[in-house]
């Protein structure tokens, strides 16, 4: 492609500007949230540890959901039908 063909059209340029502005607003909101947590006495190390633990929890939960899904397929039932058998709540 020629260099000119990589230029965004007016509509896509506007969409990109809007997306950039939204990202800047999200960045600002996150900075404010971090500042609030720090003012409440949380440390960056503690926040990073919590984030790391949340990632680990989500990975484990995803693996569990995958296994329940495979078991449901093998048994010919829905995943929801397996929850009571394993003492799980639908919100789990």
Protein backbone atom coordinates (compact mmCIF):
# COMPACT_ATOMS: atom_id res chain seq x y z
CA UNK A 1 0.00 0.00 0.00
CA UNK A 2 1.09 3.53 -0.68
CA UNK A 3 1.83 5.84 2.28
CA UNK A 4 -1.28 7.87 1.50
CA UNK A 5 -3.52 4.82 1.74
CA UNK A 6 -2.59 4.38 5.43
CA UNK A 7 -4.03 7.77 6.33
CA UNK A 8 -7.30 7.50 8.27
CA UNK A 9 -10.44 8.91 6.69
CA UNK A 10 -12.17 11.84 8.34
CA UNK A 11 -14.65 9.55 10.10
CA UNK A 12 -12.05 7.08 11.30
CA UNK A 13 -9.75 9.90 12.42
CA UNK A 14 -12.60 11.30 14.49
CA UNK A 15 -13.29 7.85 15.93
CA UNK A 16 -9.61 7.53 16.86
CA UNK A 17 -9.66 10.95 18.53
CA UNK A 18 -12.75 9.93 20.50
CA UNK A 19 -11.14 6.65 21.54
CA UNK A 20 -7.97 8.46 22.63
CA UNK A 21 -10.04 10.90 24.69
CA UNK A 22 -11.96 8.03 26.32
CA UNK A 23 -8.68 6.30 27.19
CA UNK A 24 -7.31 9.52 28.66
CA UNK A 25 -10.44 9.84 30.81
CA UNK A 26 -10.11 6.22 31.99
CA UNK A 27 -6.43 6.83 32.78
CA UNK A 28 -7.33 9.92 34.80
CA UNK A 29 -10.07 8.03 36.67
CA UNK A 30 -7.68 5.20 37.51
CA UNK A 31 -5.03 7.69 38.69
CA UNK A 32 -7.64 9.29 40.95
CA UNK A 33 -8.71 5.90 42.31
CA UNK A 34 -5.08 4.97 43.03
CA UNK A 35 -4.53 8.33 44.75
CA UNK A 36 -7.61 7.74 46.90
CA UNK A 37 -6.44 4.25 47.90
CA UNK A 38 -2.98 5.58 48.72
CA UNK A 39 -4.53 8.35 50.85
CA UNK A 40 -6.49 5.65 52.71
CA UNK A 41 -3.22 4.03 53.70
CA UNK A 42 -2.79 1.34 51.06
CA UNK A 43 0.69 0.89 49.65
CA UNK A 44 1.52 0.28 46.00
CA UNK A 45 3.04 -3.07 46.93
CA UNK A 46 -0.18 -4.09 48.67
CA UNK A 47 -2.28 -3.00 45.70
CA UNK A 48 0.00 -4.89 43.30
CA UNK A 49 -0.27 -8.00 45.51
CA UNK A 50 -4.08 -7.78 45.47
CA UNK A 51 -4.08 -7.38 41.69
CA UNK A 52 -1.78 -10.38 41.34
CA UNK A 53 -4.03 -12.46 43.60
CA UNK A 54 -7.10 -11.42 41.61
CA UNK A 55 -5.40 -12.52 38.37
CA UNK A 56 -4.53 -15.88 39.96
CA UNK A 57 -8.09 -16.29 41.25
CA UNK A 58 -9.53 -15.52 37.80
CA UNK A 59 -7.17 -18.01 36.13
CA UNK A 60 -8.18 -20.73 38.59
CA UNK A 61 -11.87 -19.89 38.22
CA UNK A 62 -11.55 -20.01 34.41
CA UNK A 63 -9.92 -23.45 34.63
CA UNK A 64 -12.70 -24.67 36.92
CA UNK A 65 -15.37 -23.35 34.57
CA UNK A 66 -13.65 -25.06 31.66
CA UNK A 67 -13.57 -28.37 33.52
CA UNK A 68 -17.23 -28.06 34.53
CA UNK A 69 -18.10 -27.34 30.91
CA UNK A 70 -16.25 -30.43 29.68
CA UNK A 71 -17.87 -32.57 32.36
CA UNK A 72 -21.29 -31.22 31.42
CA UNK A 73 -20.69 -32.14 27.77
CA UNK A 74 -19.58 -35.65 28.73
CA UNK A 75 -22.67 -36.13 30.91
CA UNK A 76 -25.00 -34.46 28.44
CA UNK A 77 -26.23 -31.86 30.93
CA UNK A 78 -25.84 -28.13 31.36
CA UNK A 79 -23.11 -26.64 33.51
CA UNK A 80 -25.84 -25.12 35.68
CA UNK A 81 -27.12 -28.61 36.47
CA UNK A 82 -23.71 -29.58 37.89
CA UNK A 83 -23.56 -26.72 40.43
CA UNK A 84 -25.66 -28.38 43.16
CA UNK A 85 -23.65 -31.60 42.86
CA UNK A 86 -20.49 -29.69 43.77
CA UNK A 87 -22.13 -27.33 46.29
CA UNK A 88 -21.58 -24.33 44.02
CA UNK A 89 -23.73 -21.22 43.86
CA UNK A 90 -24.62 -19.75 40.47
CA UNK A 91 -22.77 -16.61 41.56
CA UNK A 92 -19.56 -18.64 42.08
